C-alpha atoms as a PDB file:
ATOM      1  CA  UNK A   1      43.790 -90.836  -7.207  1.00  0.00           C
ATOM      2  CA  UNK A   2      41.979 -89.435 -10.326  1.00  0.00           C
ATOM      3  CA  UNK A   3      38.733 -88.967  -8.435  1.00  0.00           C
ATOM      4  CA  UNK A   4      40.600 -86.916  -5.666  1.00  0.00           C
ATOM      5  CA  UNK A   5      42.580 -84.781  -8.522  1.00  0.00           C
ATOM      6  CA  UNK A   6      39.145 -84.083 -10.674  1.00  0.00           C
ATOM      7  CA  UNK A   7      37.495 -83.174  -6.971  1.00  0.00           C
ATOM      8  CA  UNK A   8      40.451 -80.977  -6.299  1.00  0.00           C
ATOM      9  CA  UNK A   9      40.084 -79.366  -9.667  1.00  0.00           C
ATOM     10  CA  UNK A  10      36.304 -78.940  -9.212  1.00  0.00           C
ATOM     11  CA  UNK A  11      36.890 -77.098  -5.942  1.00  0.00           C
ATOM     12  CA  UNK A  12      39.607 -74.587  -6.988  1.00  0.00           C
ATOM     13  CA  UNK A  13      37.741 -73.573 -10.123  1.00  0.00           C
ATOM     14  CA  UNK A  14      34.578 -72.922  -8.200  1.00  0.00           C
ATOM     15  CA  UNK A  15      36.673 -70.918  -5.725  1.00  0.00           C
ATOM     16  CA  UNK A  16      38.222 -69.095  -8.823  1.00  0.00           C
ATOM     17  CA  UNK A  17      34.830 -68.443 -10.189  1.00  0.00           C
ATOM     18  CA  UNK A  18      33.609 -67.172  -6.898  1.00  0.00           C
ATOM     19  CA  UNK A  19      36.474 -65.096  -6.273  1.00  0.00           C
ATOM     20  CA  UNK A  20      35.965 -63.365  -9.504  1.00  0.00           C
ATOM     21  CA  UNK A  21      32.263 -62.511  -8.386  1.00  0.00           C
ATOM     22  CA  UNK A  22      33.326 -61.425  -4.799  1.00  0.00           C
ATOM     23  CA  UNK A  23      36.144 -59.035  -6.111  1.00  0.00           C
ATOM     24  CA  UNK A  24      33.661 -57.523  -9.068  1.00  0.00           C
ATOM     25  CA  UNK A  25      30.957 -56.859  -6.150  1.00  0.00           C
ATOM     26  CA  UNK A  26      33.746 -55.142  -4.144  1.00  0.00           C
ATOM     27  CA  UNK A  27      34.882 -52.971  -7.048  1.00  0.00           C
ATOM     28  CA  UNK A  28      31.408 -51.959  -7.819  1.00  0.00           C
ATOM     29  CA  UNK A  29      30.646 -50.719  -4.145  1.00  0.00           C
ATOM     30  CA  UNK A  30      34.343 -49.380  -3.870  1.00  0.00           C
ATOM     31  CA  UNK A  31      35.187 -51.888  -1.010  1.00  0.00           C
ATOM     32  CA  UNK A  32      38.423 -53.485  -0.239  1.00  0.00           C
ATOM     33  CA  UNK A  33      39.584 -55.581  -3.175  1.00  0.00           C
ATOM     34  CA  UNK A  34      41.328 -58.912  -3.474  1.00  0.00           C
ATOM     35  CA  UNK A  35      44.740 -58.653  -4.256  1.00  0.00           C
ATOM     36  CA  UNK A  36      45.872 -59.213  -8.014  1.00  0.00           C
ATOM     37  CA  UNK A  37      48.401 -61.649  -6.869  1.00  0.00           C
ATOM     38  CA  UNK A  38      45.723 -63.902  -4.995  1.00  0.00           C
ATOM     39  CA  UNK A  39      43.908 -63.891  -7.976  1.00  0.00           C
ATOM     40  CA  UNK A  40      46.635 -65.176 -10.323  1.00  0.00           C
ATOM     41  CA  UNK A  41      47.575 -67.622  -7.764  1.00  0.00           C
ATOM     42  CA  UNK A  42      44.383 -69.215  -7.703  1.00  0.00           C
ATOM     43  CA  UNK A  43      44.770 -69.820 -11.439  1.00  0.00           C
ATOM     44  CA  UNK A  44      48.261 -71.262 -10.829  1.00  0.00           C
ATOM     45  CA  UNK A  45      47.023 -73.736  -8.328  1.00  0.00           C
ATOM     46  CA  UNK A  46      44.392 -75.163 -10.845  1.00  0.00           C
ATOM     47  CA  UNK A  47      41.889 -72.543 -10.922  1.00  0.00           C
ATOM     48  CA  UNK A  48      42.338 -70.971 -14.273  1.00  0.00           C
ATOM     49  CA  UNK A  49      39.110 -72.332 -16.035  1.00  0.00           C
ATOM     50  CA  UNK A  50      36.913 -71.159 -13.147  1.00  0.00           C
ATOM     51  CA  UNK A  51      38.665 -67.701 -13.243  1.00  0.00           C
ATOM     52  CA  UNK A  52      38.387 -67.480 -17.068  1.00  0.00           C
ATOM     53  CA  UNK A  53      34.511 -68.237 -16.882  1.00  0.00           C
ATOM     54  CA  UNK A  54      34.254 -65.591 -13.917  1.00  0.00           C
ATOM     55  CA  UNK A  55      36.167 -63.038 -15.916  1.00  0.00           C
ATOM     56  CA  UNK A  56      33.634 -63.608 -19.059  1.00  0.00           C
ATOM     57  CA  UNK A  57      30.402 -64.085 -16.823  1.00  0.00           C
ATOM     58  CA  UNK A  58      31.166 -60.953 -14.510  1.00  0.00           C
ATOM     59  CA  UNK A  59      33.195 -58.894 -17.198  1.00  0.00           C
ATOM     60  CA  UNK A  60      35.872 -58.449 -14.632  1.00  0.00           C
ATOM     61  CA  UNK A  61      39.481 -57.867 -15.094  1.00  0.00           C
ATOM     62  CA  UNK A  62      38.981 -58.156 -19.055  1.00  0.00           C
ATOM     63  CA  UNK A  63      41.056 -54.976 -19.682  1.00  0.00           C
ATOM     64  CA  UNK A  64      44.019 -56.261 -17.634  1.00  0.00           C
ATOM     65  CA  UNK A  65      46.505 -57.983 -19.908  1.00  0.00           C
ATOM     66  CA  UNK A  66      48.019 -59.765 -16.939  1.00  0.00           C
ATOM     67  CA  UNK A  67      44.690 -61.399 -16.759  1.00  0.00           C
ATOM     68  CA  UNK A  68      43.267 -61.678 -20.485  1.00  0.00           C
ATOM     69  CA  UNK A  69      46.740 -63.087 -21.435  1.00  0.00           C
ATOM     70  CA  UNK A  70      48.134 -64.495 -18.223  1.00  0.00           C
ATOM     71  CA  UNK A  71      45.239 -66.713 -17.242  1.00  0.00           C
ATOM     72  CA  UNK A  72      44.879 -68.332 -20.636  1.00  0.00           C
ATOM     73  CA  UNK A  73      48.670 -68.814 -20.793  1.00  0.00           C
ATOM     74  CA  UNK A  74      48.387 -70.529 -17.195  1.00  0.00           C
ATOM     75  CA  UNK A  75      45.913 -72.946 -18.445  1.00  0.00           C
ATOM     76  CA  UNK A  76      47.878 -73.758 -21.541  1.00  0.00           C
ATOM     77  CA  UNK A  77      50.951 -74.657 -19.317  1.00  0.00           C
ATOM     78  CA  UNK A  78      48.942 -76.520 -16.841  1.00  0.00           C
ATOM     79  CA  UNK A  79      47.457 -78.788 -19.708  1.00  0.00           C
ATOM     80  CA  UNK A  80      50.938 -78.956 -21.292  1.00  0.00           C
ATOM     81  CA  UNK A  81      52.060 -80.592 -17.692  1.00  0.00           C
ATOM     82  CA  UNK A  82      49.138 -82.744 -17.598  1.00  0.00           C
ATOM     83  CA  UNK A  83      49.719 -84.147 -21.224  1.00  0.00           C
ATOM     84  CA  UNK A  84      53.351 -84.512 -20.308  1.00  0.00           C
ATOM     85  CA  UNK A  85      52.589 -86.582 -17.067  1.00  0.00           C
ATOM     86  CA  UNK A  86      50.140 -88.680 -19.028  1.00  0.00           C
ATOM     87  CA  UNK A  87      52.467 -89.630 -21.798  1.00  0.00           C
ATOM     88  CA  UNK A  88      55.053 -90.760 -19.089  1.00  0.00           C
END
């Protein structure tokens, strides 16, 4: 079960990182963008670390408080939930 969970986290964080890259490239080329709601939802389902690394690496969404405060807040909440579940 733990291996499946860790594999899931690895995949969803890779997706989060790649989505930030894709959205940055689309922004540069003035193409259709990935909706912000989709980006936030990727963080919510476990991709917040990948999203943060992508934001930093590609300097993308770093001027938007929704992302600079929201994604770290989601990550902290996720860590709190995991700690709570581990103590149970």
